[in-house]
Amino acid sequence: MNNLRQLIEDYMEFCHYQKNLNQKTINAYRIDLGQYYGHMKEDDMAFKRNYITNYITYLHKRYKPKSVKRKVASLKAFFSYWEYEEILPENPFSKIKVKFQESSLLPRTIPTGSLQKLFQAAYENREAEGVSEYQEKSAVRDVAVLELLFSTGLRVSELCSLKCRDIDLEQGSVRIYGKGSKERIVLLTNVQVLNALVAYQKLFQKDIREEGFFFCNRLGNRLSEQSVRFMINRYADTARLTEHITPHMFQHTFATLLLEEDVDIRYIQQILGHSSIITTQIYTHVTAYKQRDILMAKNPRNKLRF
C-alpha cells in the first residue's frame, strides 16, 4: 500500500490543479485529511473499514454534527478518488453507513429597522465634514460595500474577490464567481446603489487599476473579509444596535425579503448561486410575518360563520 502522507499530497495536487478547487476548500481538505493521518498509527490502518468506523466515532465524540459531516465527506472524496485511480482495490466507505442528526438552524436576519439605522450611520459618516482624505475615502468605500452586499445577496468572500473587470457600472451588472467556480451575473437596478459604486470607483480608480481587485483597503491592497466584518461592527456600534450583525446576515435578509415579496424561490436560488434549491429552501422557514398576513387574509377558516 502506498504511503498515506504521499497519497494525501498527491490528492491535494489533483484538487488544486485538476479540479481547480478554491483555496479555502483545499485548506479544509488538507486539515481534515491531515487530522486523519495523525490519528492513524500505521498506514495500513487507514484503509481498513473497522479503523475508519472507529475514527468516525472519535469524531462524533469531539465535534458537532456539521463538522463531522464535513470531515467524513473529505475522507469519502479522498478514498473515491484513489479507488477511481485503481490505487485502492475497494473503497472502504462502500460498506460504511454514516447517519447525521444535524440540527436545523434557521438563518438569522437583520430587522428592517436595524438595517435602516446601519445604513443611515454609514451615509452620515460619508457626509461628515472636516475629515481627512483617508477618512473620506474609507467612508465612500464603506457605503459602496454595504450597498452591494445587501442589494445583491453576495457572500462576503465573493464581494472581496471581485475584480475590476467583474463590475460593469454602465450596464449595471456584476459577474460573480461563487463556490465551485460557478459563474453568475446579478443586475444592479437601484439608482442609489449604482451611485454609491460610481462614487467609490471614481475615488479609488488608481488603487483598483494597480491592485486589480475592485474593493481595496487604505494600503491599496485587496479588501479583506475581516475588514468588512470590522466595518459592519463599527457601524452597528455607531447605530447602537443590540444584535450582533455579520456579513452573511445580509444575504439571509436579502433572500428572506425577496421571498416575502412573493419572488419565486427558483429565481432566488439563481441570484444567490445555490447549486441546489434545497439550500435556498431554508429561507422559507423564516417568513413568519408573511405567513401571518396570508393566514389572516386568506385562511379558509375565515369563510365559516356560526
C-alpha atoms as a PDB file:
ATOM      1  CA  MET A   1       0.000   0.000   0.000  1.00  0.00           C
ATOM      2  CA  ASN A   2       1.236   3.485  -0.848  1.00  0.00           C
ATOM      3  CA  ASN A   3       2.367   5.859   1.857  1.00  0.00           C
ATOM      4  CA  LEU A   4      -0.699   7.678   3.236  1.00  0.00           C
ATOM      5  CA  ARG A   5       1.072  11.017   3.555  1.00  0.00           C
ATOM      6  CA  GLN A   6       2.127  10.874  -0.102  1.00  0.00           C
ATOM      7  CA  LEU A   7      -1.373   9.900  -1.219  1.00  0.00           C
ATOM      8  CA  ILE A   8      -2.762  12.930   0.619  1.00  0.00           C
ATOM      9  CA  GLU A   9      -0.216  15.251  -1.014  1.00  0.00           C
ATOM     10  CA  ASP A  10      -0.957  13.800  -4.466  1.00  0.00           C
ATOM     11  CA  TYR A  11      -4.685  14.229  -3.861  1.00  0.00           C
ATOM     12  CA  MET A  12      -4.156  17.861  -2.821  1.00  0.00           C
ATOM     13  CA  GLU A  13      -2.347  18.500  -6.099  1.00  0.00           C
ATOM     14  CA  PHE A  14      -5.225  16.899  -8.002  1.00  0.00           C
ATOM     15  CA  CYS A  15      -7.738  19.142  -6.175  1.00  0.00           C
ATOM     16  CA  HIS A  16      -5.690  22.246  -6.901  1.00  0.00           C
ATOM     17  CA  TYR A  17      -4.545  21.751 -10.473  1.00  0.00           C
ATOM     18  CA  GLN A  18      -7.187  19.486 -11.991  1.00  0.00           C
ATOM     19  CA  LYS A  19     -10.382  20.053 -10.019  1.00  0.00           C
ATOM     20  CA  ASN A  20      -9.483  23.748  -9.705  1.00  0.00           C
ATOM     21  CA  LEU A  21     -10.999  23.998  -6.231  1.00  0.00           C
ATOM     22  CA  ASN A  22     -10.667  27.296  -4.401  1.00  0.00           C
ATOM     23  CA  GLN A  23      -8.013  27.691  -1.732  1.00  0.00           C
ATOM     24  CA  LYS A  24     -10.473  27.591   1.175  1.00  0.00           C
ATOM     25  CA  THR A  25     -11.794  24.190   0.117  1.00  0.00           C
ATOM     26  CA  ILE A  26      -8.279  22.849  -0.397  1.00  0.00           C
ATOM     27  CA  ASN A  27      -7.237  24.109   3.043  1.00  0.00           C
ATOM     28  CA  ALA A  28     -10.264  22.416   4.613  1.00  0.00           C
ATOM     29  CA  TYR A  29      -9.413  19.127   2.856  1.00  0.00           C
ATOM     30  CA  ARG A  30      -5.814  19.400   3.996  1.00  0.00           C
ATOM     31  CA  ILE A  31      -6.855  19.946   7.626  1.00  0.00           C
ATOM     32  CA  ASP A  32      -9.364  17.070   7.595  1.00  0.00           C
ATOM     33  CA  LEU A  33      -7.061  14.586   5.880  1.00  0.00           C
ATOM     34  CA  GLY A  34      -4.095  15.697   7.988  1.00  0.00           C
ATOM     35  CA  GLN A  35      -6.136  15.018  11.093  1.00  0.00           C
ATOM     36  CA  TYR A  36      -6.992  11.563   9.787  1.00  0.00           C
ATOM     37  CA  TYR A  37      -3.320  10.884   9.052  1.00  0.00           C
ATOM     38  CA  GLY A  38      -2.348  11.975  12.551  1.00  0.00           C
ATOM     39  CA  HIS A  39      -4.943   9.676  14.095  1.00  0.00           C
ATOM     40  CA  MET A  40      -3.668   6.554  12.329  1.00  0.00           C
ATOM     41  CA  LYS A  41      -0.578   4.903  13.839  1.00  0.00           C
ATOM     42  CA  GLU A  42       0.235   2.860  10.727  1.00  0.00           C
ATOM     43  CA  ASP A  43      -0.511   3.421   7.048  1.00  0.00           C
ATOM     44  CA  ASP A  44      -2.322   0.114   6.602  1.00  0.00           C
ATOM     45  CA  MET A  45      -4.779   1.003   9.365  1.00  0.00           C
ATOM     46  CA  ALA A  46      -6.001   3.991   7.370  1.00  0.00           C
ATOM     47  CA  PHE A  47      -7.530   1.797   4.646  1.00  0.00           C
ATOM     48  CA  LYS A  48      -9.363  -0.709   6.848  1.00  0.00           C
ATOM     49  CA  ARG A  49     -13.078  -0.378   7.423  1.00  0.00           C
ATOM     50  CA  ASN A  50     -13.061  -1.032  11.173  1.00  0.00           C
ATOM     51  CA  TYR A  51     -10.419   1.646  11.804  1.00  0.00           C
ATOM     52  CA  ILE A  52     -12.401   4.149   9.735  1.00  0.00           C
ATOM     53  CA  THR A  53     -15.600   3.477  11.691  1.00  0.00           C
ATOM     54  CA  ASN A  54     -13.652   3.891  14.944  1.00  0.00           C
ATOM     55  CA  TYR A  55     -12.324   7.191  13.654  1.00  0.00           C
ATOM     56  CA  ILE A  56     -15.848   8.386  12.798  1.00  0.00           C
ATOM     57  CA  THR A  57     -16.928   7.504  16.345  1.00  0.00           C
ATOM     58  CA  TYR A  58     -13.966   9.513  17.628  1.00  0.00           C
ATOM     59  CA  LEU A  59     -15.106  12.498  15.525  1.00  0.00           C
ATOM     60  CA  HIS A  60     -18.658  12.299  16.871  1.00  0.00           C
ATOM     61  CA  LYS A  61     -17.310  12.465  20.429  1.00  0.00           C
ATOM     62  CA  ARG A  62     -15.243  15.573  19.735  1.00  0.00           C
ATOM     63  CA  TYR A  63     -17.122  17.645  17.166  1.00  0.00           C
ATOM     64  CA  LYS A  64     -20.574  18.912  16.306  1.00  0.00           C
ATOM     65  CA  PRO A  65     -22.546  17.021  13.609  1.00  0.00           C
ATOM     66  CA  LYS A  66     -21.893  19.695  10.978  1.00  0.00           C
ATOM     67  CA  SER A  67     -18.115  19.428  11.448  1.00  0.00           C
ATOM     68  CA  VAL A  68     -18.221  15.632  11.464  1.00  0.00           C
ATOM     69  CA  LYS A  69     -20.232  15.648   8.256  1.00  0.00           C
ATOM     70  CA  ARG A  70     -17.609  17.800   6.525  1.00  0.00           C
ATOM     71  CA  LYS A  71     -14.673  15.734   7.775  1.00  0.00           C
ATOM     72  CA  VAL A  72     -16.302  12.480   6.688  1.00  0.00           C
ATOM     73  CA  ALA A  73     -17.136  13.995   3.287  1.00  0.00           C
ATOM     74  CA  SER A  74     -13.440  14.890   2.875  1.00  0.00           C
ATOM     75  CA  LEU A  75     -12.476  11.285   3.594  1.00  0.00           C
ATOM     76  CA  LYS A  76     -15.093   9.912   1.219  1.00  0.00           C
ATOM     77  CA  ALA A  77     -13.863  12.109  -1.613  1.00  0.00           C
ATOM     78  CA  PHE A  78     -10.266  11.093  -0.891  1.00  0.00           C
ATOM     79  CA  PHE A  79     -10.975   7.350  -0.966  1.00  0.00           C
ATOM     80  CA  SER A  80     -13.268   7.646  -4.017  1.00  0.00           C
ATOM     81  CA  TYR A  81     -10.509   9.317  -5.976  1.00  0.00           C
ATOM     82  CA  TRP A  82      -7.928   6.617  -5.216  1.00  0.00           C
ATOM     83  CA  GLU A  83     -10.446   3.874  -5.970  1.00  0.00           C
ATOM     84  CA  TYR A  84     -11.076   5.521  -9.353  1.00  0.00           C
ATOM     85  CA  GLU A  85      -7.307   5.693  -9.946  1.00  0.00           C
ATOM     86  CA  GLU A  86      -7.171   1.949  -9.078  1.00  0.00           C
ATOM     87  CA  ILE A  87      -4.705   2.532  -6.249  1.00  0.00           C
ATOM     88  CA  LEU A  88      -7.291   1.090  -3.850  1.00  0.00           C
ATOM     89  CA  PRO A  89      -8.850  -2.253  -4.820  1.00  0.00           C
ATOM     90  CA  GLU A  90     -12.025  -1.235  -2.982  1.00  0.00           C
ATOM     91  CA  ASN A  91     -13.412   1.926  -1.429  1.00  0.00           C
ATOM     92  CA  PRO A  92     -13.641   1.191   2.333  1.00  0.00           C
ATOM     93  CA  PHE A  93     -16.622   3.557   2.533  1.00  0.00           C
ATOM     94  CA  SER A  94     -18.684   1.366   0.195  1.00  0.00           C
ATOM     95  CA  LYS A  95     -19.936  -0.687   3.157  1.00  0.00           C
ATOM     96  CA  ILE A  96     -19.926   2.014   5.823  1.00  0.00           C
ATOM     97  CA  LYS A  97     -23.247   3.677   6.642  1.00  0.00           C
ATOM     98  CA  VAL A  98     -22.961   7.074   8.288  1.00  0.00           C
ATOM     99  CA  LYS A  99     -26.005   8.939   9.573  1.00  0.00           C
ATOM    100  CA  PHE A 100     -26.018  12.527  10.781  1.00  0.00           C
ATOM    101  CA  GLN A 101     -28.644  14.068  13.000  1.00  0.00           C
ATOM    102  CA  GLU A 102     -27.751  17.634  12.224  1.00  0.00           C
ATOM    103  CA  SER A 103     -29.869  20.253  13.932  1.00  0.00           C
ATOM    104  CA  SER A 104     -31.588  22.640  11.542  1.00  0.00           C
ATOM    105  CA  LEU A 105     -30.506  26.197  12.304  1.00  0.00           C
ATOM    106  CA  LEU A 106     -32.690  28.890  10.820  1.00  0.00           C
ATOM    107  CA  PRO A 107     -30.786  31.725   9.149  1.00  0.00           C
ATOM    108  CA  ARG A 108     -30.533  34.897  11.219  1.00  0.00           C
ATOM    109  CA  THR A 109     -31.797  38.031   9.513  1.00  0.00           C
ATOM    110  CA  ILE A 110     -31.408  41.737  10.245  1.00  0.00           C
ATOM    111  CA  PRO A 111     -34.619  43.515  11.285  1.00  0.00           C
ATOM    112  CA  THR A 112     -35.615  46.212   8.808  1.00  0.00           C
ATOM    113  CA  GLY A 113     -35.361  48.917  11.469  1.00  0.00           C
ATOM    114  CA  SER A 114     -31.809  47.876  12.367  1.00  0.00           C
ATOM    115  CA  LEU A 115     -30.862  47.753   8.688  1.00  0.00           C
ATOM    116  CA  GLN A 116     -32.167  51.281   8.228  1.00  0.00           C
ATOM    117  CA  LYS A 117     -30.135  52.554  11.191  1.00  0.00           C
ATOM    118  CA  LEU A 118     -26.978  50.797   9.981  1.00  0.00           C
ATOM    119  CA  PHE A 119     -27.189  52.352   6.514  1.00  0.00           C
ATOM    120  CA  GLN A 120     -28.056  55.722   7.969  1.00  0.00           C
ATOM    121  CA  ALA A 121     -24.930  55.614  10.156  1.00  0.00           C
ATOM    122  CA  ALA A 122     -22.792  54.779   7.124  1.00  0.00           C
ATOM    123  CA  TYR A 123     -24.286  57.547   4.971  1.00  0.00           C
ATOM    124  CA  GLU A 124     -23.961  60.126   7.756  1.00  0.00           C
ATOM    125  CA  ASN A 125     -20.320  59.151   8.138  1.00  0.00           C
ATOM    126  CA  ARG A 126     -19.824  59.632   4.389  1.00  0.00           C
ATOM    127  CA  GLU A 127     -21.318  63.134   4.524  1.00  0.00           C
ATOM    128  CA  ALA A 128     -19.311  64.200   7.602  1.00  0.00           C
ATOM    129  CA  GLU A 129     -17.280  67.383   7.198  1.00  0.00           C
ATOM    130  CA  GLY A 130     -13.802  68.247   8.428  1.00  0.00           C
ATOM    131  CA  VAL A 131     -12.409  64.735   7.982  1.00  0.00           C
ATOM    132  CA  SER A 132      -9.108  63.611   6.469  1.00  0.00           C
ATOM    133  CA  GLU A 133      -8.798  62.408   2.875  1.00  0.00           C
ATOM    134  CA  TYR A 134      -8.307  58.849   4.130  1.00  0.00           C
ATOM    135  CA  GLN A 135     -11.463  59.024   6.286  1.00  0.00           C
ATOM    136  CA  GLU A 136     -13.443  60.399   3.366  1.00  0.00           C
ATOM    137  CA  LYS A 137     -12.282  57.638   1.012  1.00  0.00           C
ATOM    138  CA  SER A 138     -12.961  54.936   3.609  1.00  0.00           C
ATOM    139  CA  ALA A 139     -16.482  56.254   4.231  1.00  0.00           C
ATOM    140  CA  VAL A 140     -17.284  56.255   0.496  1.00  0.00           C
ATOM    141  CA  ARG A 141     -15.950  52.699   0.185  1.00  0.00           C
ATOM    142  CA  ASP A 142     -17.924  51.511   3.233  1.00  0.00           C
ATOM    143  CA  VAL A 143     -21.204  52.727   1.752  1.00  0.00           C
ATOM    144  CA  ALA A 144     -20.408  51.017  -1.566  1.00  0.00           C
ATOM    145  CA  VAL A 145     -19.603  47.744   0.225  1.00  0.00           C
ATOM    146  CA  LEU A 146     -22.804  47.811   2.290  1.00  0.00           C
ATOM    147  CA  GLU A 147     -24.957  48.704  -0.708  1.00  0.00           C
ATOM    148  CA  LEU A 148     -23.520  45.948  -2.898  1.00  0.00           C
ATOM    149  CA  LEU A 149     -23.592  43.373  -0.099  1.00  0.00           C
ATOM    150  CA  PHE A 150     -27.270  43.930   0.612  1.00  0.00           C
ATOM    151  CA  SER A 151     -28.642  44.652  -2.876  1.00  0.00           C
ATOM    152  CA  THR A 152     -27.180  41.523  -4.487  1.00  0.00           C
ATOM    153  CA  GLY A 153     -27.040  38.918  -1.703  1.00  0.00           C
ATOM    154  CA  LEU A 154     -23.304  38.354  -2.284  1.00  0.00           C
ATOM    155  CA  ARG A 155     -21.267  36.325   0.159  1.00  0.00           C
ATOM    156  CA  VAL A 156     -18.541  38.458   1.726  1.00  0.00           C
ATOM    157  CA  SER A 157     -15.890  36.205   0.132  1.00  0.00           C
ATOM    158  CA  GLU A 158     -17.454  36.829  -3.293  1.00  0.00           C
ATOM    159  CA  LEU A 159     -17.534  40.576  -2.714  1.00  0.00           C
ATOM    160  CA  CYS A 160     -13.885  40.764  -1.659  1.00  0.00           C
ATOM    161  CA  SER A 161     -12.835  38.616  -4.640  1.00  0.00           C
ATOM    162  CA  LEU A 162     -14.439  40.862  -7.254  1.00  0.00           C
ATOM    163  CA  LYS A 163     -12.018  42.080  -9.906  1.00  0.00           C
ATOM    164  CA  CYS A 164     -12.390  45.422 -11.665  1.00  0.00           C
ATOM    165  CA  ARG A 165     -13.461  43.608 -14.853  1.00  0.00           C
ATOM    166  CA  ASP A 166     -16.316  41.871 -12.982  1.00  0.00           C
ATOM    167  CA  ILE A 167     -18.288  45.084 -12.409  1.00  0.00           C
ATOM    168  CA  ASP A 168     -19.872  46.942 -15.312  1.00  0.00           C
ATOM    169  CA  LEU A 169     -21.492  50.077 -13.906  1.00  0.00           C
ATOM    170  CA  GLU A 170     -22.635  51.298 -17.319  1.00  0.00           C
ATOM    171  CA  GLN A 171     -24.631  48.121 -17.918  1.00  0.00           C
ATOM    172  CA  GLY A 172     -25.399  47.732 -14.205  1.00  0.00           C
ATOM    173  CA  SER A 173     -24.156  44.173 -13.767  1.00  0.00           C
ATOM    174  CA  VAL A 174     -21.839  42.169 -11.520  1.00  0.00           C
ATOM    175  CA  ARG A 175     -20.160  38.945 -12.612  1.00  0.00           C
ATOM    176  CA  ILE A 176     -19.658  36.682  -9.601  1.00  0.00           C
ATOM    177  CA  TYR A 177     -17.519  33.575  -9.262  1.00  0.00           C
ATOM    178  CA  GLY A 178     -19.084  31.606  -6.432  1.00  0.00           C
ATOM    179  CA  LYS A 179     -18.491  28.246  -4.776  1.00  0.00           C
ATOM    180  CA  GLY A 180     -17.050  25.597  -7.060  1.00  0.00           C
ATOM    181  CA  SER A 181     -16.021  28.336  -9.527  1.00  0.00           C
ATOM    182  CA  LYS A 182     -19.668  28.671 -10.606  1.00  0.00           C
ATOM    183  CA  GLU A 183     -20.277  31.892 -12.503  1.00  0.00           C
ATOM    184  CA  ARG A 184     -23.402  34.023 -12.322  1.00  0.00           C
ATOM    185  CA  ILE A 185     -24.434  37.573 -13.182  1.00  0.00           C
ATOM    186  CA  VAL A 186     -26.508  39.770 -10.870  1.00  0.00           C
ATOM    187  CA  LEU A 187     -28.011  43.014 -12.131  1.00  0.00           C
ATOM    188  CA  LEU A 188     -27.766  46.339 -10.313  1.00  0.00           C
ATOM    189  CA  THR A 189     -31.122  48.062 -10.651  1.00  0.00           C
ATOM    190  CA  ASN A 190     -31.237  50.504  -7.737  1.00  0.00           C
ATOM    191  CA  VAL A 191     -30.042  54.029  -8.629  1.00  0.00           C
ATOM    192  CA  GLN A 192     -28.693  54.738  -5.148  1.00  0.00           C
ATOM    193  CA  VAL A 193     -26.627  51.540  -5.218  1.00  0.00           C
ATOM    194  CA  LEU A 194     -25.186  52.438  -8.617  1.00  0.00           C
ATOM    195  CA  ASN A 195     -24.387  55.978  -7.447  1.00  0.00           C
ATOM    196  CA  ALA A 196     -22.556  54.620  -4.398  1.00  0.00           C
ATOM    197  CA  LEU A 197     -20.457  52.318  -6.579  1.00  0.00           C
ATOM    198  CA  VAL A 198     -19.703  55.059  -9.128  1.00  0.00           C
ATOM    199  CA  ALA A 199     -18.573  57.419  -6.341  1.00  0.00           C
ATOM    200  CA  TYR A 200     -16.325  54.700  -4.917  1.00  0.00           C
ATOM    201  CA  GLN A 201     -14.853  53.770  -8.300  1.00  0.00           C
ATOM    202  CA  LYS A 202     -14.043  57.417  -9.031  1.00  0.00           C
ATOM    203  CA  LEU A 203     -12.138  57.852  -5.759  1.00  0.00           C
ATOM    204  CA  PHE A 204     -10.302  54.520  -5.885  1.00  0.00           C
ATOM    205  CA  GLN A 205      -9.652  54.184  -9.622  1.00  0.00           C
ATOM    206  CA  LYS A 206      -5.852  54.311  -9.189  1.00  0.00           C
ATOM    207  CA  ASP A 207      -5.877  51.613  -6.467  1.00  0.00           C
ATOM    208  CA  ILE A 208      -8.311  49.459  -8.465  1.00  0.00           C
ATOM    209  CA  ARG A 209      -6.185  49.710 -11.586  1.00  0.00           C
ATOM    210  CA  GLU A 210      -2.958  48.814  -9.767  1.00  0.00           C
ATOM    211  CA  GLU A 211      -4.342  46.085  -7.494  1.00  0.00           C
ATOM    212  CA  GLY A 212      -6.829  44.510  -9.913  1.00  0.00           C
ATOM    213  CA  PHE A 213      -9.455  43.904  -7.232  1.00  0.00           C
ATOM    214  CA  PHE A 214     -12.489  46.188  -7.128  1.00  0.00           C
ATOM    215  CA  PHE A 215     -12.517  46.811  -3.374  1.00  0.00           C
ATOM    216  CA  CYS A 216      -9.233  47.995  -1.847  1.00  0.00           C
ATOM    217  CA  ASN A 217      -8.039  48.918   1.645  1.00  0.00           C
ATOM    218  CA  ARG A 218      -6.093  52.007   2.745  1.00  0.00           C
ATOM    219  CA  LEU A 219      -2.816  50.425   1.588  1.00  0.00           C
ATOM    220  CA  GLY A 220      -4.175  49.856  -1.898  1.00  0.00           C
ATOM    221  CA  ASN A 221      -4.414  46.090  -1.374  1.00  0.00           C
ATOM    222  CA  ARG A 222      -7.436  43.811  -1.751  1.00  0.00           C
ATOM    223  CA  LEU A 223     -10.046  44.469   0.925  1.00  0.00           C
ATOM    224  CA  SER A 224     -10.180  41.503   3.313  1.00  0.00           C
ATOM    225  CA  GLU A 225     -13.261  39.733   4.607  1.00  0.00           C
ATOM    226  CA  GLN A 226     -12.170  40.519   8.166  1.00  0.00           C
ATOM    227  CA  SER A 227     -12.060  44.239   7.311  1.00  0.00           C
ATOM    228  CA  VAL A 228     -15.674  44.045   6.128  1.00  0.00           C
ATOM    229  CA  ARG A 229     -16.668  42.375   9.406  1.00  0.00           C
ATOM    230  CA  PHE A 230     -14.913  45.070  11.454  1.00  0.00           C
ATOM    231  CA  MET A 231     -16.555  47.762   9.357  1.00  0.00           C
ATOM    232  CA  ILE A 232     -20.053  46.352   9.897  1.00  0.00           C
ATOM    233  CA  ASN A 233     -19.417  46.045  13.633  1.00  0.00           C
ATOM    234  CA  ARG A 234     -18.252  49.664  13.768  1.00  0.00           C
ATOM    235  CA  TYR A 235     -21.419  50.995  12.132  1.00  0.00           C
ATOM    236  CA  ALA A 236     -23.582  48.696  14.264  1.00  0.00           C
ATOM    237  CA  ASP A 237     -21.960  50.241  17.352  1.00  0.00           C
ATOM    238  CA  THR A 238     -22.453  53.763  15.966  1.00  0.00           C
ATOM    239  CA  ALA A 239     -26.131  52.971  15.333  1.00  0.00           C
ATOM    240  CA  ARG A 240     -26.362  51.472  18.861  1.00  0.00           C
ATOM    241  CA  LEU A 241     -27.745  48.178  17.606  1.00  0.00           C
ATOM    242  CA  THR A 242     -28.097  45.434  20.201  1.00  0.00           C
ATOM    243  CA  GLU A 243     -27.886  42.468  17.815  1.00  0.00           C
ATOM    244  CA  HIS A 244     -24.581  41.116  16.509  1.00  0.00           C
ATOM    245  CA  ILE A 245     -24.603  41.566  12.731  1.00  0.00           C
ATOM    246  CA  THR A 246     -22.430  39.536  10.387  1.00  0.00           C
ATOM    247  CA  PRO A 247     -21.891  39.926   6.627  1.00  0.00           C
ATOM    248  CA  HIS A 248     -23.709  36.639   5.971  1.00  0.00           C
ATOM    249  CA  MET A 249     -26.841  38.028   7.614  1.00  0.00           C
ATOM    250  CA  PHE A 250     -27.120  40.494   4.715  1.00  0.00           C
ATOM    251  CA  GLN A 251     -27.559  37.566   2.332  1.00  0.00           C
ATOM    252  CA  HIS A 252     -30.097  35.926   4.643  1.00  0.00           C
ATOM    253  CA  THR A 253     -32.059  39.174   4.907  1.00  0.00           C
ATOM    254  CA  PHE A 254     -31.906  39.806   1.158  1.00  0.00           C
ATOM    255  CA  ALA A 255     -33.274  36.332   0.362  1.00  0.00           C
ATOM    256  CA  THR A 256     -35.953  36.419   3.054  1.00  0.00           C
ATOM    257  CA  LEU A 257     -37.279  39.814   1.957  1.00  0.00           C
ATOM    258  CA  LEU A 258     -37.440  38.621  -1.663  1.00  0.00           C
ATOM    259  CA  LEU A 259     -39.484  35.624  -0.543  1.00  0.00           C
ATOM    260  CA  GLU A 260     -41.816  37.883   1.405  1.00  0.00           C
ATOM    261  CA  GLU A 261     -42.350  39.836  -1.807  1.00  0.00           C
ATOM    262  CA  ASP A 262     -43.526  36.576  -3.433  1.00  0.00           C
ATOM    263  CA  VAL A 263     -40.445  36.144  -5.642  1.00  0.00           C
ATOM    264  CA  ASP A 264     -40.223  32.581  -6.979  1.00  0.00           C
ATOM    265  CA  ILE A 265     -37.687  30.594  -4.952  1.00  0.00           C
ATOM    266  CA  ARG A 266     -36.048  29.353  -8.164  1.00  0.00           C
ATOM    267  CA  TYR A 267     -35.094  32.935  -9.077  1.00  0.00           C
ATOM    268  CA  ILE A 268     -33.676  33.466  -5.594  1.00  0.00           C
ATOM    269  CA  GLN A 269     -31.657  30.267  -5.991  1.00  0.00           C
ATOM    270  CA  GLN A 270     -30.191  31.615  -9.224  1.00  0.00           C
ATOM    271  CA  ILE A 271     -29.383  35.052  -7.769  1.00  0.00           C
ATOM    272  CA  LEU A 272     -27.640  33.575  -4.715  1.00  0.00           C
ATOM    273  CA  GLY A 273     -25.752  30.991  -6.764  1.00  0.00           C
ATOM    274  CA  HIS A 274     -27.025  27.960  -4.849  1.00  0.00           C
ATOM    275  CA  SER A 275     -26.345  24.728  -6.721  1.00  0.00           C
ATOM    276  CA  SER A 276     -29.361  23.068  -5.099  1.00  0.00           C
ATOM    277  CA  ILE A 277     -32.762  24.551  -4.343  1.00  0.00           C
ATOM    278  CA  ILE A 278     -32.646  22.642  -1.030  1.00  0.00           C
ATOM    279  CA  THR A 279     -30.081  25.186   0.178  1.00  0.00           C
ATOM    280  CA  THR A 280     -32.371  28.070  -0.747  1.00  0.00           C
ATOM    281  CA  GLN A 281     -35.374  26.478   0.960  1.00  0.00           C
ATOM    282  CA  ILE A 282     -34.003  27.295   4.414  1.00  0.00           C
ATOM    283  CA  TYR A 283     -35.400  30.775   3.859  1.00  0.00           C
ATOM    284  CA  THR A 284     -38.963  29.527   3.544  1.00  0.00           C
ATOM    285  CA  HIS A 285     -38.969  28.847   7.286  1.00  0.00           C
ATOM    286  CA  VAL A 286     -38.254  32.393   8.370  1.00  0.00           C
ATOM    287  CA  THR A 287     -41.031  34.309   6.651  1.00  0.00           C
ATOM    288  CA  ALA A 288     -43.324  34.243   9.685  1.00  0.00           C
ATOM    289  CA  TYR A 289     -44.647  37.765   9.112  1.00  0.00           C
ATOM    290  CA  LYS A 290     -45.630  36.947   5.555  1.00  0.00           C
ATOM    291  CA  GLN A 291     -47.262  33.718   6.714  1.00  0.00           C
ATOM    292  CA  ARG A 292     -49.258  35.628   9.309  1.00  0.00           C
ATOM    293  CA  ASP A 293     -50.508  38.123   6.706  1.00  0.00           C
ATOM    294  CA  ILE A 294     -51.540  35.315   4.354  1.00  0.00           C
ATOM    295  CA  LEU A 295     -53.368  33.370   7.035  1.00  0.00           C
ATOM    296  CA  MET A 296     -55.133  36.455   8.360  1.00  0.00           C
ATOM    297  CA  ALA A 297     -56.377  37.380   4.897  1.00  0.00           C
ATOM    298  CA  LYS A 298     -56.840  34.020   3.185  1.00  0.00           C
ATOM    299  CA  ASN A 299     -57.260  31.315   5.821  1.00  0.00           C
ATOM    300  CA  PRO A 300     -60.163  29.020   4.720  1.00  0.00           C
ATOM    301  CA  ARG A 301     -61.403  29.105   8.302  1.00  0.00           C
ATOM    302  CA  ASN A 302     -62.403  32.737   7.757  1.00  0.00           C
ATOM    303  CA  LYS A 303     -65.211  31.550   5.479  1.00  0.00           C
ATOM    304  CA  LEU A 304     -67.022  29.717   8.230  1.00  0.00           C
ATOM    305  CA  ARG A 305     -69.706  31.657  10.106  1.00  0.00           C
ATOM    306  CA  PHE A 306     -71.604  30.466  13.144  1.00  0.00           C
END
